[in-house]
């Protein structure tokens, strides 16, 4: 099953699945008006935290403690460039994030201790890769517009409810490619 995990309420999509209200879709939107208010760094970081926490909880529930780095895009952005970009948006590049960026191109696999930093950097568009559990229990990747995907047999229903109660939405893709809202299941 492929799950799509987002901040986007599925009930606000049109018949073609497009999300109707305008909202921010990237850290680069910090400072832009969203529903009459500028997106501030704190609001962005809170959403980023919800995504990373949700994904770490899912992987823990699936007993995934390492992920192989696959399909790494060659354009990993440098720490110096990112530090400037982030500073313009009121964010910072932590020492752990800078260290991870130096190592990622030579990493065949990441351990659970690197999950949070890896997910943060992908959400901030620093690099892209697919992450695959060596045991075949899960695969993780991030898409455009702040979409997060998990391929696994099943996310436990209690965990789906917990993640959704925290303000995210989980949809499962059918064999026909239709996304079904899991929030209400």
N, C-alpha and C. Protein backbone atom coordinates (compact mmCIF):
# COMPACT_ATOMS: atom_id res chain seq x y z
N UNK A 1 0.85 -1.17 0.00
CA UNK A 1 0.00 0.00 0.00
C UNK A 1 0.90 1.23 0.00
N UNK A 2 0.49 2.25 -0.74
CA UNK A 2 1.19 3.53 -0.70
C UNK A 2 0.31 4.52 0.05
N UNK A 3 0.92 5.17 1.03
CA UNK A 3 0.23 6.18 1.83
C UNK A 3 0.80 7.55 1.50
N UNK A 4 -0.10 8.52 1.40
CA UNK A 4 0.29 9.92 1.22
C UNK A 4 -0.05 10.63 2.52
N UNK A 5 0.95 11.27 3.11
CA UNK A 5 0.78 11.94 4.40
C UNK A 5 1.07 13.41 4.19
N UNK A 6 0.07 14.25 4.50
CA UNK A 6 0.21 15.68 4.22
C UNK A 6 -0.51 16.52 5.26
N UNK A 7 -0.34 17.82 5.11
CA UNK A 7 -1.08 18.80 5.91
C UNK A 7 -2.37 19.20 5.21
N UNK A 8 -2.66 18.59 4.07
CA UNK A 8 -3.79 18.99 3.23
C UNK A 8 -5.03 18.15 3.53
N UNK A 9 -6.11 18.80 3.93
CA UNK A 9 -7.38 18.13 4.23
C UNK A 9 -7.96 17.57 2.93
N UNK A 10 -8.12 16.24 2.82
CA UNK A 10 -8.63 15.64 1.59
C UNK A 10 -10.03 16.11 1.20
N UNK A 11 -10.81 16.60 2.17
CA UNK A 11 -12.17 17.07 1.84
C UNK A 11 -12.14 18.39 1.08
N UNK A 12 -10.97 19.02 0.99
CA UNK A 12 -10.84 20.30 0.29
C UNK A 12 -10.21 20.14 -1.09
N UNK A 13 -10.33 18.94 -1.66
CA UNK A 13 -9.82 18.67 -3.01
C UNK A 13 -10.99 18.67 -3.99
N UNK A 14 -10.68 19.02 -5.25
CA UNK A 14 -11.72 18.95 -6.27
C UNK A 14 -11.81 17.52 -6.82
N UNK A 15 -12.66 17.31 -7.81
CA UNK A 15 -12.89 15.98 -8.36
C UNK A 15 -11.62 15.36 -8.95
N UNK A 16 -10.69 16.20 -9.40
CA UNK A 16 -9.43 15.70 -9.96
C UNK A 16 -8.34 15.53 -8.89
N UNK A 17 -8.66 15.82 -7.64
CA UNK A 17 -7.72 15.64 -6.55
C UNK A 17 -6.85 16.85 -6.25
N UNK A 18 -7.10 17.98 -6.93
CA UNK A 18 -6.32 19.19 -6.67
C UNK A 18 -6.79 19.83 -5.37
N UNK A 19 -5.83 20.28 -4.57
CA UNK A 19 -6.15 20.95 -3.32
C UNK A 19 -6.59 22.36 -3.66
N UNK A 20 -7.77 22.77 -3.20
CA UNK A 20 -8.37 24.03 -3.63
C UNK A 20 -7.86 25.27 -2.91
N UNK A 21 -7.78 25.32 -1.61
CA UNK A 21 -7.32 26.57 -0.99
C UNK A 21 -5.84 26.80 -1.28
N UNK A 22 -5.47 28.07 -1.45
CA UNK A 22 -4.05 28.36 -1.60
C UNK A 22 -3.40 28.23 -0.23
N UNK A 23 -2.26 27.59 -0.19
CA UNK A 23 -1.51 27.45 1.04
C UNK A 23 -0.03 27.36 0.72
N UNK A 24 0.79 27.42 1.71
CA UNK A 24 2.22 27.31 1.47
C UNK A 24 2.58 25.87 1.14
N UNK A 25 3.63 25.71 0.33
CA UNK A 25 4.03 24.38 -0.13
C UNK A 25 5.53 24.11 0.02
N UNK A 26 6.25 25.05 0.63
CA UNK A 26 7.70 24.92 0.73
C UNK A 26 8.23 25.86 1.81
N UNK A 27 9.39 25.53 2.34
CA UNK A 27 10.01 26.45 3.30
C UNK A 27 10.27 27.80 2.66
N UNK A 28 10.42 27.82 1.32
CA UNK A 28 10.69 29.09 0.63
C UNK A 28 9.50 30.05 0.70
N UNK A 29 8.34 29.56 1.14
CA UNK A 29 7.16 30.42 1.30
C UNK A 29 7.16 31.18 2.63
N UNK A 30 8.13 30.92 3.50
CA UNK A 30 8.20 31.67 4.76
C UNK A 30 8.31 33.16 4.43
N UNK A 31 7.46 33.94 5.08
CA UNK A 31 7.41 35.38 4.84
C UNK A 31 6.31 35.80 3.87
N UNK A 32 5.78 34.84 3.10
CA UNK A 32 4.69 35.15 2.17
C UNK A 32 3.35 35.07 2.90
N UNK A 33 2.39 35.81 2.37
CA UNK A 33 1.05 35.81 2.97
C UNK A 33 0.34 34.50 2.68
N UNK A 34 -0.22 33.92 3.73
CA UNK A 34 -1.02 32.71 3.64
C UNK A 34 -2.30 32.99 4.42
N UNK A 35 -3.42 33.05 3.72
CA UNK A 35 -4.70 33.37 4.35
C UNK A 35 -4.63 34.67 5.16
N UNK A 36 -3.99 35.67 4.58
CA UNK A 36 -3.93 36.98 5.20
C UNK A 36 -2.82 37.19 6.21
N UNK A 37 -2.06 36.14 6.52
CA UNK A 37 -0.96 36.26 7.49
C UNK A 37 0.32 35.72 6.86
N UNK A 38 1.43 36.34 7.19
CA UNK A 38 2.71 35.85 6.68
C UNK A 38 3.07 34.55 7.39
N UNK A 39 3.51 33.55 6.60
CA UNK A 39 3.99 32.31 7.19
C UNK A 39 5.27 32.61 7.95
N UNK A 40 5.28 32.31 9.23
CA UNK A 40 6.45 32.61 10.06
C UNK A 40 7.29 31.34 10.23
N UNK A 41 8.57 31.50 10.55
CA UNK A 41 9.42 30.33 10.76
C UNK A 41 8.88 29.35 11.80
N UNK A 42 8.30 29.85 12.88
CA UNK A 42 7.79 28.97 13.94
C UNK A 42 6.66 28.08 13.42
N UNK A 43 5.76 28.64 12.61
CA UNK A 43 4.66 27.84 12.05
C UNK A 43 5.20 26.80 11.08
N UNK A 44 6.17 27.20 10.26
CA UNK A 44 6.79 26.24 9.34
C UNK A 44 7.43 25.10 10.13
N UNK A 45 8.24 25.44 11.13
CA UNK A 45 8.96 24.43 11.91
C UNK A 45 8.01 23.49 12.64
N UNK A 46 6.87 24.00 13.09
CA UNK A 46 5.88 23.15 13.76
C UNK A 46 5.34 22.10 12.78
N UNK A 47 5.04 22.51 11.57
CA UNK A 47 4.56 21.57 10.56
C UNK A 47 5.65 20.57 10.20
N UNK A 48 6.86 21.04 10.01
CA UNK A 48 7.99 20.15 9.71
C UNK A 48 8.14 19.11 10.81
N UNK A 49 8.02 19.54 12.07
CA UNK A 49 8.13 18.62 13.20
C UNK A 49 7.03 17.56 13.17
N UNK A 50 5.80 17.98 12.84
CA UNK A 50 4.70 17.00 12.76
C UNK A 50 5.00 15.95 11.70
N UNK A 51 5.52 16.36 10.56
CA UNK A 51 5.86 15.41 9.50
C UNK A 51 6.95 14.44 9.97
N UNK A 52 8.04 14.98 10.50
CA UNK A 52 9.14 14.10 10.90
C UNK A 52 8.73 13.18 12.04
N UNK A 53 7.99 13.70 13.02
CA UNK A 53 7.52 12.86 14.12
C UNK A 53 6.62 11.74 13.61
N UNK A 54 5.70 12.07 12.70
CA UNK A 54 4.79 11.06 12.16
C UNK A 54 5.56 9.97 11.44
N UNK A 55 6.50 10.37 10.61
CA UNK A 55 7.26 9.38 9.85
C UNK A 55 8.12 8.50 10.76
N UNK A 56 8.73 9.09 11.75
CA UNK A 56 9.53 8.29 12.69
C UNK A 56 8.64 7.31 13.45
N UNK A 57 7.45 7.74 13.87
CA UNK A 57 6.51 6.83 14.56
C UNK A 57 6.09 5.68 13.66
N UNK A 58 5.83 5.98 12.39
CA UNK A 58 5.45 4.92 11.45
C UNK A 58 6.58 3.91 11.30
N UNK A 59 7.79 4.40 11.09
CA UNK A 59 8.93 3.50 10.91
C UNK A 59 9.19 2.68 12.17
N UNK A 60 9.03 3.28 13.34
CA UNK A 60 9.19 2.53 14.59
C UNK A 60 8.12 1.44 14.70
N UNK A 61 6.88 1.76 14.34
CA UNK A 61 5.80 0.77 14.39
C UNK A 61 6.06 -0.39 13.44
N UNK A 62 6.76 -0.12 12.35
CA UNK A 62 7.09 -1.15 11.36
C UNK A 62 8.42 -1.84 11.68
N UNK A 63 9.05 -1.45 12.79
CA UNK A 63 10.33 -2.01 13.24
C UNK A 63 11.46 -1.75 12.23
N UNK A 64 11.43 -0.57 11.63
CA UNK A 64 12.47 -0.16 10.69
C UNK A 64 13.49 0.68 11.46
N UNK A 65 14.74 0.23 11.48
CA UNK A 65 15.77 0.99 12.20
C UNK A 65 16.91 1.46 11.30
N UNK A 66 16.78 1.20 10.01
CA UNK A 66 17.76 1.69 9.03
C UNK A 66 17.07 1.81 7.68
N UNK A 67 17.57 2.72 6.87
CA UNK A 67 17.02 2.92 5.53
C UNK A 67 18.17 3.05 4.54
N UNK A 68 18.05 2.35 3.42
CA UNK A 68 19.04 2.49 2.35
C UNK A 68 18.72 3.73 1.52
N UNK A 69 19.76 4.45 1.15
CA UNK A 69 19.63 5.64 0.31
C UNK A 69 19.64 5.17 -1.14
N UNK A 70 18.56 5.43 -1.85
CA UNK A 70 18.42 5.04 -3.26
C UNK A 70 18.10 6.26 -4.10
N UNK A 71 18.56 6.25 -5.33
CA UNK A 71 18.21 7.29 -6.31
C UNK A 71 18.56 8.70 -5.83
N UNK A 72 19.65 8.84 -5.10
CA UNK A 72 20.06 10.15 -4.60
C UNK A 72 20.31 11.08 -5.78
N UNK A 73 19.60 12.19 -5.77
CA UNK A 73 19.83 13.18 -6.82
C UNK A 73 21.20 13.79 -6.60
N UNK A 74 21.94 13.98 -7.66
CA UNK A 74 23.32 14.44 -7.52
C UNK A 74 23.47 15.87 -7.04
N UNK A 75 22.39 16.62 -7.00
CA UNK A 75 22.51 18.04 -6.68
C UNK A 75 22.26 18.33 -5.20
N UNK A 76 23.02 17.67 -4.32
CA UNK A 76 22.92 17.97 -2.90
C UNK A 76 23.47 19.38 -2.71
N UNK A 77 22.66 20.25 -2.14
CA UNK A 77 23.05 21.66 -1.98
C UNK A 77 24.08 21.80 -0.86
N UNK A 78 25.02 22.71 -1.05
CA UNK A 78 26.10 22.89 -0.08
C UNK A 78 25.60 23.55 1.20
N UNK A 79 26.29 23.26 2.29
CA UNK A 79 25.92 23.84 3.58
C UNK A 79 25.99 25.36 3.57
N UNK A 80 27.00 25.92 2.90
CA UNK A 80 27.15 27.38 2.88
C UNK A 80 25.97 28.04 2.18
N UNK A 81 25.56 27.49 1.05
CA UNK A 81 24.42 28.04 0.31
C UNK A 81 23.15 27.89 1.14
N UNK A 82 22.97 26.73 1.75
CA UNK A 82 21.77 26.49 2.55
C UNK A 82 21.72 27.40 3.77
N UNK A 83 22.86 27.61 4.40
CA UNK A 83 22.89 28.47 5.58
C UNK A 83 22.37 29.86 5.22
N UNK A 84 22.77 30.38 4.07
CA UNK A 84 22.30 31.70 3.62
C UNK A 84 20.81 31.66 3.28
N UNK A 85 20.38 30.63 2.54
CA UNK A 85 18.97 30.51 2.18
C UNK A 85 18.09 30.42 3.43
N UNK A 86 18.49 29.58 4.36
CA UNK A 86 17.71 29.40 5.58
C UNK A 86 17.68 30.68 6.41
N UNK A 87 18.81 31.35 6.52
CA UNK A 87 18.88 32.59 7.31
C UNK A 87 17.92 33.64 6.76
N UNK A 88 17.79 33.71 5.44
CA UNK A 88 16.86 34.66 4.83
C UNK A 88 15.42 34.37 5.23
N UNK A 89 15.14 33.12 5.59
CA UNK A 89 13.78 32.70 5.96
C UNK A 89 13.62 32.57 7.47
N UNK A 90 14.63 32.94 8.22
CA UNK A 90 14.53 32.85 9.68
C UNK A 90 14.79 31.46 10.22
N UNK A 91 15.40 30.60 9.41
CA UNK A 91 15.75 29.25 9.84
C UNK A 91 17.26 29.17 9.99
N UNK A 92 17.73 28.07 10.52
CA UNK A 92 19.17 27.86 10.61
C UNK A 92 19.50 26.45 10.16
N UNK A 93 20.76 26.25 9.84
CA UNK A 93 21.27 24.93 9.50
C UNK A 93 22.06 24.45 10.72
N UNK A 94 21.55 23.43 11.39
CA UNK A 94 22.21 22.94 12.60
C UNK A 94 23.51 22.22 12.24
N UNK A 95 24.34 22.03 13.24
CA UNK A 95 25.59 21.28 13.04
C UNK A 95 25.28 19.86 12.56
N UNK A 96 24.24 19.25 13.12
CA UNK A 96 23.86 17.89 12.71
C UNK A 96 23.40 17.86 11.26
N UNK A 97 22.65 18.88 10.84
CA UNK A 97 22.20 18.95 9.45
C UNK A 97 23.38 19.16 8.50
N UNK A 98 24.30 20.06 8.85
CA UNK A 98 25.48 20.31 8.02
C UNK A 98 26.33 19.05 7.91
N UNK A 99 26.49 18.34 9.03
CA UNK A 99 27.26 17.09 9.02
C UNK A 99 26.59 16.05 8.13
N UNK A 100 25.28 15.94 8.23
CA UNK A 100 24.56 14.97 7.40
C UNK A 100 24.74 15.29 5.92
N UNK A 101 24.64 16.56 5.56
CA UNK A 101 24.81 16.95 4.15
C UNK A 101 26.20 16.59 3.63
N UNK A 102 27.22 16.69 4.47
CA UNK A 102 28.58 16.31 4.06
C UNK A 102 28.68 14.81 3.82
N UNK A 103 27.91 14.02 4.58
CA UNK A 103 28.03 12.57 4.52
C UNK A 103 27.06 11.88 3.56
N UNK A 104 25.96 12.52 3.21
CA UNK A 104 24.88 11.82 2.52
C UNK A 104 25.30 11.22 1.18
N UNK A 105 26.17 11.87 0.45
CA UNK A 105 26.55 11.33 -0.86
C UNK A 105 27.36 10.04 -0.74
N UNK A 106 27.94 9.79 0.42
CA UNK A 106 28.73 8.57 0.63
C UNK A 106 28.01 7.56 1.52
N UNK A 107 26.76 7.82 1.83
CA UNK A 107 26.02 6.95 2.74
C UNK A 107 25.19 5.93 1.96
N UNK A 108 25.51 4.66 2.09
CA UNK A 108 24.62 3.69 1.47
C UNK A 108 23.35 3.48 2.31
N UNK A 109 23.44 3.80 3.60
CA UNK A 109 22.34 3.53 4.52
C UNK A 109 22.37 4.54 5.66
N UNK A 110 21.19 4.90 6.15
CA UNK A 110 21.13 5.78 7.32
C UNK A 110 20.49 5.02 8.48
N UNK A 111 20.94 5.33 9.67
CA UNK A 111 20.40 4.69 10.87
C UNK A 111 19.31 5.57 11.46
N UNK A 112 18.58 5.01 12.39
CA UNK A 112 17.48 5.73 13.02
C UNK A 112 17.95 7.05 13.63
N UNK A 113 19.17 7.11 14.10
CA UNK A 113 19.66 8.34 14.71
C UNK A 113 19.75 9.49 13.70
N UNK A 114 19.79 9.18 12.41
CA UNK A 114 19.84 10.21 11.36
C UNK A 114 18.48 10.47 10.71
N UNK A 115 17.45 9.72 11.08
CA UNK A 115 16.15 9.86 10.40
C UNK A 115 15.63 11.30 10.46
N UNK A 116 15.58 11.88 11.64
CA UNK A 116 14.97 13.21 11.78
C UNK A 116 15.68 14.24 10.90
N UNK A 117 17.00 14.28 10.96
CA UNK A 117 17.77 15.25 10.18
C UNK A 117 17.57 15.01 8.68
N UNK A 118 17.62 13.76 8.27
CA UNK A 118 17.41 13.43 6.86
C UNK A 118 16.05 13.90 6.37
N UNK A 119 15.01 13.65 7.15
CA UNK A 119 13.66 14.05 6.76
C UNK A 119 13.52 15.57 6.73
N UNK A 120 14.09 16.25 7.71
CA UNK A 120 14.04 17.72 7.72
C UNK A 120 14.68 18.28 6.46
N UNK A 121 15.85 17.77 6.10
CA UNK A 121 16.56 18.30 4.94
C UNK A 121 15.84 18.01 3.64
N UNK A 122 15.16 16.87 3.56
CA UNK A 122 14.38 16.59 2.35
C UNK A 122 13.16 17.49 2.29
N UNK A 123 12.50 17.71 3.42
CA UNK A 123 11.36 18.63 3.42
C UNK A 123 11.79 20.05 3.04
N UNK A 124 13.02 20.40 3.35
CA UNK A 124 13.54 21.73 3.00
C UNK A 124 14.19 21.74 1.61
N UNK A 125 14.00 20.67 0.86
CA UNK A 125 14.42 20.60 -0.55
C UNK A 125 15.93 20.69 -0.73
N UNK A 126 16.69 20.19 0.25
CA UNK A 126 18.15 20.22 0.16
C UNK A 126 18.69 19.13 -0.76
N UNK A 127 17.97 18.03 -0.83
CA UNK A 127 18.31 16.92 -1.73
C UNK A 127 17.08 16.03 -1.82
N UNK A 128 17.12 15.08 -2.74
CA UNK A 128 16.03 14.12 -2.86
C UNK A 128 16.62 12.74 -2.97
N UNK A 129 15.98 11.79 -2.35
CA UNK A 129 16.31 10.38 -2.53
C UNK A 129 15.10 9.56 -2.09
N UNK A 130 15.13 8.32 -2.48
CA UNK A 130 14.15 7.35 -1.98
C UNK A 130 14.87 6.59 -0.86
N UNK A 131 14.17 6.32 0.21
CA UNK A 131 14.74 5.61 1.35
C UNK A 131 14.02 4.27 1.49
N UNK A 132 14.77 3.18 1.51
CA UNK A 132 14.17 1.85 1.47
C UNK A 132 14.70 1.01 2.63
N UNK A 133 13.79 0.39 3.36
CA UNK A 133 14.16 -0.51 4.44
C UNK A 133 14.86 -1.73 3.85
N UNK A 134 16.05 -2.09 4.34
CA UNK A 134 16.76 -3.26 3.81
C UNK A 134 15.96 -4.56 3.96
N UNK A 135 15.04 -4.61 4.92
CA UNK A 135 14.23 -5.80 5.14
C UNK A 135 12.95 -5.80 4.30
N UNK A 136 12.72 -4.74 3.54
CA UNK A 136 11.56 -4.67 2.66
C UNK A 136 10.25 -4.28 3.33
N UNK A 137 10.30 -3.77 4.54
CA UNK A 137 9.07 -3.43 5.25
C UNK A 137 8.51 -2.07 4.87
N UNK A 138 9.35 -1.18 4.33
CA UNK A 138 8.87 0.17 4.01
C UNK A 138 9.80 0.87 3.03
N UNK A 139 9.23 1.82 2.32
CA UNK A 139 9.99 2.77 1.50
C UNK A 139 9.40 4.15 1.77
N UNK A 140 10.24 5.16 1.74
CA UNK A 140 9.82 6.53 2.06
C UNK A 140 10.37 7.46 0.99
N UNK A 141 9.56 8.45 0.58
CA UNK A 141 10.06 9.50 -0.31
C UNK A 141 9.19 10.74 -0.13
N UNK A 142 9.73 11.85 -0.56
CA UNK A 142 9.07 13.14 -0.44
C UNK A 142 8.80 13.68 -1.84
N UNK A 143 7.64 14.29 -2.01
CA UNK A 143 7.28 14.86 -3.30
C UNK A 143 7.24 16.37 -3.26
N UNK A 144 6.91 16.94 -4.40
CA UNK A 144 6.74 18.39 -4.47
C UNK A 144 5.58 18.82 -3.57
N UNK A 145 5.56 20.08 -3.24
CA UNK A 145 4.44 20.70 -2.52
C UNK A 145 4.18 20.11 -1.14
N UNK A 146 5.25 19.65 -0.50
CA UNK A 146 5.18 19.16 0.88
C UNK A 146 4.35 17.89 1.01
N UNK A 147 4.55 16.97 0.08
CA UNK A 147 3.92 15.65 0.14
C UNK A 147 4.95 14.65 0.65
N UNK A 148 4.48 13.71 1.47
CA UNK A 148 5.33 12.66 2.01
C UNK A 148 4.65 11.33 1.73
N UNK A 149 5.42 10.35 1.29
CA UNK A 149 4.86 9.05 0.91
C UNK A 149 5.56 7.93 1.68
N UNK A 150 4.76 6.93 2.05
CA UNK A 150 5.28 5.73 2.70
C UNK A 150 4.65 4.54 2.00
N UNK A 151 5.48 3.63 1.53
CA UNK A 151 4.99 2.37 0.98
C UNK A 151 5.28 1.29 2.03
N UNK A 152 4.24 0.62 2.46
CA UNK A 152 4.38 -0.45 3.45
C UNK A 152 3.12 -1.30 3.39
N UNK A 153 3.15 -2.41 4.09
CA UNK A 153 1.97 -3.28 4.10
C UNK A 153 0.77 -2.55 4.70
N UNK A 154 0.96 -1.99 5.89
CA UNK A 154 -0.14 -1.26 6.53
C UNK A 154 0.39 -0.42 7.68
N UNK A 155 -0.13 0.79 7.79
CA UNK A 155 0.14 1.62 8.97
C UNK A 155 -0.94 1.24 9.99
N UNK A 156 -0.56 0.87 11.21
CA UNK A 156 -1.55 0.48 12.21
C UNK A 156 -2.63 1.56 12.39
N UNK A 157 -3.89 1.12 12.48
CA UNK A 157 -5.03 2.05 12.57
C UNK A 157 -4.90 3.01 13.75
N UNK A 158 -4.43 2.53 14.89
CA UNK A 158 -4.28 3.41 16.06
C UNK A 158 -3.26 4.51 15.77
N UNK A 159 -2.22 4.18 15.04
CA UNK A 159 -1.20 5.18 14.69
C UNK A 159 -1.75 6.18 13.68
N UNK A 160 -2.55 5.71 12.73
CA UNK A 160 -3.21 6.62 11.79
C UNK A 160 -4.04 7.64 12.57
N UNK A 161 -4.83 7.16 13.52
CA UNK A 161 -5.67 8.06 14.33
C UNK A 161 -4.81 9.07 15.10
N UNK A 162 -3.72 8.59 15.68
CA UNK A 162 -2.83 9.47 16.45
C UNK A 162 -2.20 10.55 15.57
N UNK A 163 -1.73 10.17 14.40
CA UNK A 163 -1.11 11.13 13.48
C UNK A 163 -2.14 12.15 13.01
N UNK A 164 -3.32 11.67 12.68
CA UNK A 164 -4.38 12.58 12.21
C UNK A 164 -4.85 13.51 13.32
N UNK A 165 -4.88 13.02 14.55
CA UNK A 165 -5.24 13.89 15.68
C UNK A 165 -4.21 15.00 15.86
N UNK A 166 -2.99 14.77 15.39
CA UNK A 166 -1.93 15.77 15.46
C UNK A 166 -1.95 16.77 14.32
N UNK A 167 -2.95 16.67 13.44
CA UNK A 167 -3.10 17.68 12.40
C UNK A 167 -2.63 17.31 11.01
N UNK A 168 -2.25 16.05 10.79
CA UNK A 168 -1.89 15.62 9.44
C UNK A 168 -3.00 14.73 8.90
N UNK A 169 -2.95 14.48 7.60
CA UNK A 169 -3.94 13.65 6.93
C UNK A 169 -3.23 12.51 6.24
N UNK A 170 -3.84 11.34 6.30
CA UNK A 170 -3.26 10.15 5.67
C UNK A 170 -4.27 9.61 4.67
N UNK A 171 -3.78 9.40 3.46
CA UNK A 171 -4.59 8.82 2.39
C UNK A 171 -3.87 7.59 1.87
N UNK A 172 -4.63 6.56 1.50
CA UNK A 172 -4.07 5.34 0.93
C UNK A 172 -4.45 5.27 -0.54
N UNK A 173 -3.51 4.85 -1.36
CA UNK A 173 -3.77 4.77 -2.80
C UNK A 173 -4.31 3.38 -3.15
N UNK A 174 -5.40 3.36 -3.90
CA UNK A 174 -5.97 2.10 -4.37
C UNK A 174 -5.20 1.61 -5.58
N UNK A 175 -5.49 0.39 -6.00
CA UNK A 175 -4.86 -0.17 -7.20
C UNK A 175 -5.18 0.67 -8.44
N UNK A 176 -6.30 1.38 -8.40
CA UNK A 176 -6.71 2.23 -9.53
C UNK A 176 -6.06 3.61 -9.47
N UNK A 177 -5.28 3.87 -8.42
CA UNK A 177 -4.61 5.16 -8.30
C UNK A 177 -5.43 6.23 -7.61
N UNK A 178 -6.53 5.84 -7.00
CA UNK A 178 -7.39 6.79 -6.28
C UNK A 178 -6.92 6.87 -4.83
N UNK A 179 -6.87 8.09 -4.28
CA UNK A 179 -6.46 8.28 -2.90
C UNK A 179 -7.68 8.26 -1.99
N UNK A 180 -7.66 7.37 -1.00
CA UNK A 180 -8.76 7.24 -0.04
C UNK A 180 -8.34 7.80 1.31
N UNK A 181 -9.17 8.66 1.85
CA UNK A 181 -8.91 9.30 3.13
C UNK A 181 -8.92 8.25 4.24
N UNK A 182 -7.82 8.13 4.97
CA UNK A 182 -7.72 7.20 6.09
C UNK A 182 -8.04 7.87 7.42
N UNK A 183 -8.17 9.18 7.39
CA UNK A 183 -8.39 9.96 8.60
C UNK A 183 -9.67 9.55 9.31
N UNK A 184 -10.67 9.17 8.56
CA UNK A 184 -11.97 8.86 9.14
C UNK A 184 -12.17 7.37 9.37
N UNK A 185 -11.15 6.54 9.08
CA UNK A 185 -11.33 5.10 9.25
C UNK A 185 -11.09 4.66 10.66
